[in-house]
Amino acid sequence: MSDFDVKYVANLARLSLTEAEEQKLGSQLNSILGYIEKLKEVDVSNVEPTAHAFPIVNVWRADEIKPGLTNEEALQNAPSKANGLFVVPKIVE
């Protein structure tokens, strides 16, 4: 099951591994691939494909109009304001 190159995988992950770490990672990856092979043996032909094991229902609240801030309230803590607007530094030349 060693179809992969540990050094290549480590390079993709931007990891520099010692020889001992490469051996350890190689055995761990072999174990993971072995488990995946076991999962492939399971008969799932009668199982409906789902994204989650349990149904998930999103709870939506009613879309109601609510009062917002007045212009004065919105500008109350503004460090700089003019003519009812926020004044911000120019960032585009």
N, C-alpha and C. Protein backbone atom coordinates (compact mmCIF):
# COMPACT_ATOMS: atom_id res chain seq x y z
N MET A 1 0.81 -1.20 0.00
CA MET A 1 0.00 0.00 0.00
C MET A 1 0.85 1.25 0.00
N SER A 2 2.08 1.15 -0.31
CA SER A 2 2.92 2.35 -0.30
C SER A 2 2.97 2.95 -1.69
N ASP A 3 1.78 3.39 -2.19
CA ASP A 3 1.70 4.02 -3.51
C ASP A 3 2.08 5.49 -3.45
N PHE A 4 2.37 5.98 -2.29
CA PHE A 4 2.68 7.39 -2.14
C PHE A 4 4.12 7.54 -1.68
N ASP A 5 4.64 8.70 -1.94
CA ASP A 5 6.01 9.02 -1.53
C ASP A 5 5.92 9.98 -0.35
N VAL A 6 6.39 9.56 0.82
CA VAL A 6 6.29 10.37 2.03
C VAL A 6 7.02 11.69 1.85
N LYS A 7 8.15 11.67 1.21
CA LYS A 7 8.91 12.92 1.01
C LYS A 7 8.12 13.89 0.13
N TYR A 8 7.43 13.34 -0.89
CA TYR A 8 6.63 14.18 -1.77
C TYR A 8 5.46 14.81 -1.01
N VAL A 9 4.77 14.01 -0.20
CA VAL A 9 3.65 14.51 0.59
C VAL A 9 4.14 15.56 1.58
N ALA A 10 5.27 15.31 2.23
CA ALA A 10 5.83 16.28 3.18
C ALA A 10 6.19 17.58 2.46
N ASN A 11 6.72 17.47 1.25
CA ASN A 11 7.06 18.67 0.48
C ASN A 11 5.80 19.46 0.14
N LEU A 12 4.73 18.78 -0.25
CA LEU A 12 3.47 19.47 -0.54
C LEU A 12 2.95 20.20 0.68
N ALA A 13 3.14 19.60 1.86
CA ALA A 13 2.67 20.20 3.11
C ALA A 13 3.68 21.19 3.67
N ARG A 14 4.77 21.40 2.96
CA ARG A 14 5.84 22.32 3.40
C ARG A 14 6.41 21.90 4.75
N LEU A 15 6.65 20.59 4.90
CA LEU A 15 7.22 20.06 6.13
C LEU A 15 8.62 19.53 5.84
N SER A 16 9.53 19.78 6.74
CA SER A 16 10.84 19.14 6.64
C SER A 16 10.89 18.08 7.74
N LEU A 17 11.02 16.83 7.33
CA LEU A 17 10.95 15.72 8.27
C LEU A 17 12.30 15.04 8.41
N THR A 18 12.57 14.55 9.60
CA THR A 18 13.75 13.71 9.80
C THR A 18 13.42 12.32 9.28
N GLU A 19 14.44 11.49 9.18
CA GLU A 19 14.24 10.11 8.71
C GLU A 19 13.26 9.36 9.62
N ALA A 20 13.38 9.57 10.93
CA ALA A 20 12.48 8.90 11.87
C ALA A 20 11.05 9.38 11.69
N GLU A 21 10.88 10.68 11.46
CA GLU A 21 9.54 11.23 11.25
C GLU A 21 8.93 10.71 9.95
N GLU A 22 9.78 10.55 8.91
CA GLU A 22 9.30 10.00 7.65
C GLU A 22 8.81 8.57 7.84
N GLN A 23 9.54 7.78 8.61
CA GLN A 23 9.13 6.40 8.88
C GLN A 23 7.81 6.37 9.63
N LYS A 24 7.69 7.21 10.65
CA LYS A 24 6.48 7.25 11.46
C LYS A 24 5.29 7.70 10.61
N LEU A 25 5.48 8.76 9.82
CA LEU A 25 4.41 9.27 8.96
C LEU A 25 4.02 8.22 7.93
N GLY A 26 5.01 7.53 7.38
CA GLY A 26 4.73 6.48 6.39
C GLY A 26 3.87 5.38 6.98
N SER A 27 4.17 4.95 8.18
CA SER A 27 3.36 3.89 8.80
C SER A 27 1.97 4.39 9.14
N GLN A 28 1.86 5.65 9.57
CA GLN A 28 0.55 6.21 9.88
C GLN A 28 -0.31 6.34 8.62
N LEU A 29 0.30 6.79 7.54
CA LEU A 29 -0.45 6.91 6.29
C LEU A 29 -0.85 5.54 5.76
N ASN A 30 0.01 4.53 5.92
CA ASN A 30 -0.34 3.17 5.52
C ASN A 30 -1.54 2.67 6.32
N SER A 31 -1.58 2.98 7.61
CA SER A 31 -2.71 2.58 8.44
C SER A 31 -4.00 3.25 7.97
N ILE A 32 -3.91 4.52 7.64
CA ILE A 32 -5.08 5.26 7.15
C ILE A 32 -5.57 4.67 5.83
N LEU A 33 -4.65 4.40 4.92
CA LEU A 33 -5.03 3.83 3.63
C LEU A 33 -5.60 2.44 3.79
N GLY A 34 -5.08 1.67 4.75
CA GLY A 34 -5.63 0.35 5.03
C GLY A 34 -7.06 0.44 5.53
N TYR A 35 -7.33 1.40 6.38
CA TYR A 35 -8.68 1.60 6.89
C TYR A 35 -9.63 2.01 5.76
N ILE A 36 -9.16 2.84 4.85
CA ILE A 36 -9.98 3.26 3.72
C ILE A 36 -10.31 2.04 2.84
N GLU A 37 -9.35 1.15 2.65
CA GLU A 37 -9.59 -0.06 1.87
C GLU A 37 -10.66 -0.93 2.56
N LYS A 38 -10.62 -1.00 3.89
CA LYS A 38 -11.65 -1.75 4.62
C LYS A 38 -13.03 -1.13 4.40
N LEU A 39 -13.09 0.19 4.41
CA LEU A 39 -14.37 0.88 4.20
C LEU A 39 -14.92 0.62 2.80
N LYS A 40 -14.04 0.44 1.83
CA LYS A 40 -14.48 0.17 0.46
C LYS A 40 -15.17 -1.18 0.34
N GLU A 41 -14.91 -2.08 1.28
CA GLU A 41 -15.50 -3.42 1.26
C GLU A 41 -16.94 -3.43 1.76
N VAL A 42 -17.37 -2.39 2.44
CA VAL A 42 -18.71 -2.33 3.00
C VAL A 42 -19.74 -2.18 1.89
N ASP A 43 -20.82 -2.98 1.94
CA ASP A 43 -21.88 -2.90 0.94
C ASP A 43 -22.81 -1.74 1.29
N VAL A 44 -22.80 -0.71 0.47
CA VAL A 44 -23.63 0.46 0.69
C VAL A 44 -24.63 0.64 -0.45
N SER A 45 -24.91 -0.43 -1.18
CA SER A 45 -25.79 -0.32 -2.35
C SER A 45 -27.21 0.05 -1.96
N ASN A 46 -27.66 -0.29 -0.75
CA ASN A 46 -29.02 0.03 -0.32
C ASN A 46 -29.08 1.24 0.61
N VAL A 47 -28.01 2.00 0.68
CA VAL A 47 -27.96 3.17 1.56
C VAL A 47 -28.14 4.43 0.71
N GLU A 48 -29.11 5.23 1.11
CA GLU A 48 -29.37 6.47 0.38
C GLU A 48 -28.25 7.47 0.66
N PRO A 49 -27.68 8.08 -0.38
CA PRO A 49 -26.61 9.06 -0.17
C PRO A 49 -27.14 10.27 0.59
N THR A 50 -26.41 10.70 1.60
CA THR A 50 -26.77 11.88 2.38
C THR A 50 -25.52 12.68 2.69
N ALA A 51 -25.71 13.94 3.00
CA ALA A 51 -24.59 14.78 3.40
C ALA A 51 -24.34 14.66 4.89
N HIS A 52 -25.39 14.32 5.67
CA HIS A 52 -25.29 14.19 7.11
C HIS A 52 -25.99 12.91 7.54
N ALA A 53 -25.53 12.32 8.63
CA ALA A 53 -26.15 11.11 9.13
C ALA A 53 -27.56 11.36 9.64
N PHE A 54 -27.81 12.54 10.17
CA PHE A 54 -29.12 12.91 10.69
C PHE A 54 -29.63 14.10 9.91
N PRO A 55 -30.94 14.16 9.67
CA PRO A 55 -31.46 15.31 8.94
C PRO A 55 -31.23 16.61 9.70
N ILE A 56 -30.81 17.61 8.98
CA ILE A 56 -30.56 18.92 9.58
C ILE A 56 -31.60 19.89 9.02
N VAL A 57 -32.28 20.57 9.92
CA VAL A 57 -33.31 21.52 9.52
C VAL A 57 -32.87 22.90 9.98
N ASN A 58 -32.86 23.83 9.06
CA ASN A 58 -32.49 25.19 9.40
C ASN A 58 -33.71 25.91 9.94
N VAL A 59 -33.54 26.61 11.01
CA VAL A 59 -34.64 27.37 11.62
C VAL A 59 -34.53 28.81 11.15
N TRP A 60 -35.55 29.25 10.45
CA TRP A 60 -35.57 30.60 9.93
C TRP A 60 -36.51 31.45 10.76
N ARG A 61 -36.14 32.68 10.99
CA ARG A 61 -37.05 33.60 11.67
C ARG A 61 -37.83 34.35 10.59
N ALA A 62 -38.93 34.89 10.99
CA ALA A 62 -39.74 35.66 10.06
C ALA A 62 -38.98 36.92 9.64
N ASP A 63 -39.10 37.28 8.38
CA ASP A 63 -38.44 38.47 7.87
C ASP A 63 -39.35 39.66 8.15
N GLU A 64 -39.04 40.38 9.22
CA GLU A 64 -39.88 41.49 9.64
C GLU A 64 -39.10 42.81 9.56
N ILE A 65 -39.80 43.84 9.23
CA ILE A 65 -39.19 45.17 9.20
C ILE A 65 -39.05 45.66 10.63
N LYS A 66 -37.86 46.08 10.99
CA LYS A 66 -37.60 46.61 12.33
C LYS A 66 -36.93 47.97 12.17
N PRO A 67 -37.17 48.86 13.11
CA PRO A 67 -36.55 50.18 13.00
C PRO A 67 -35.03 50.09 13.13
N GLY A 68 -34.33 50.87 12.31
CA GLY A 68 -32.88 50.91 12.38
C GLY A 68 -32.42 52.14 13.14
N LEU A 69 -31.14 52.41 13.04
CA LEU A 69 -30.59 53.59 13.71
C LEU A 69 -30.93 54.85 12.93
N THR A 70 -31.14 55.90 13.65
CA THR A 70 -31.29 57.19 12.98
C THR A 70 -29.90 57.64 12.54
N ASN A 71 -29.87 58.64 11.67
CA ASN A 71 -28.59 59.14 11.20
C ASN A 71 -27.76 59.68 12.36
N GLU A 72 -28.41 60.35 13.30
CA GLU A 72 -27.69 60.91 14.45
C GLU A 72 -27.12 59.79 15.33
N GLU A 73 -27.90 58.72 15.55
CA GLU A 73 -27.43 57.61 16.36
C GLU A 73 -26.25 56.91 15.70
N ALA A 74 -26.30 56.75 14.37
CA ALA A 74 -25.22 56.08 13.65
C ALA A 74 -23.93 56.89 13.72
N LEU A 75 -24.04 58.20 13.69
CA LEU A 75 -22.86 59.06 13.69
C LEU A 75 -22.41 59.45 15.10
N GLN A 76 -23.12 59.02 16.10
CA GLN A 76 -22.87 59.45 17.47
C GLN A 76 -21.41 59.22 17.91
N ASN A 77 -20.83 58.07 17.61
CA ASN A 77 -19.45 57.76 18.04
C ASN A 77 -18.42 57.89 16.93
N ALA A 78 -18.81 58.47 15.81
CA ALA A 78 -17.88 58.63 14.69
C ALA A 78 -16.77 59.59 15.07
N PRO A 79 -15.51 59.23 14.79
CA PRO A 79 -14.41 60.14 15.13
C PRO A 79 -14.43 61.42 14.29
N SER A 80 -14.98 61.29 13.04
CA SER A 80 -15.02 62.46 12.17
C SER A 80 -16.27 62.36 11.30
N LYS A 81 -17.02 63.44 11.23
CA LYS A 81 -18.26 63.45 10.44
C LYS A 81 -18.46 64.84 9.85
N ALA A 82 -19.19 64.87 8.73
CA ALA A 82 -19.50 66.14 8.08
C ALA A 82 -20.75 65.97 7.23
N ASN A 83 -21.66 66.90 7.31
CA ASN A 83 -22.89 66.91 6.51
C ASN A 83 -23.68 65.60 6.66
N GLY A 84 -23.69 65.03 7.86
CA GLY A 84 -24.45 63.81 8.10
C GLY A 84 -23.80 62.55 7.56
N LEU A 85 -22.50 62.60 7.26
CA LEU A 85 -21.78 61.45 6.70
C LEU A 85 -20.52 61.17 7.52
N PHE A 86 -20.02 59.93 7.44
CA PHE A 86 -18.74 59.58 8.05
C PHE A 86 -17.63 60.17 7.19
N VAL A 87 -16.61 60.72 7.82
CA VAL A 87 -15.44 61.20 7.10
C VAL A 87 -14.32 60.21 7.36
N VAL A 88 -13.76 59.65 6.26
CA VAL A 88 -12.71 58.65 6.38
C VAL A 88 -11.50 59.10 5.56
N PRO A 89 -10.32 58.57 5.88
CA PRO A 89 -9.14 58.96 5.09
C PRO A 89 -9.24 58.46 3.66
N LYS A 90 -8.70 59.24 2.76
CA LYS A 90 -8.67 58.86 1.35
C LYS A 90 -7.63 57.75 1.19
N ILE A 91 -8.03 56.66 0.54
CA ILE A 91 -7.10 55.54 0.39
C ILE A 91 -6.76 55.28 -1.08
N VAL A 92 -7.49 55.88 -2.00
CA VAL A 92 -7.23 55.69 -3.43
C VAL A 92 -6.77 57.01 -4.01
N GLU A 93 -5.67 56.97 -4.70
CA GLU A 93 -5.13 58.19 -5.33
C GLU A 93 -5.75 58.41 -6.68
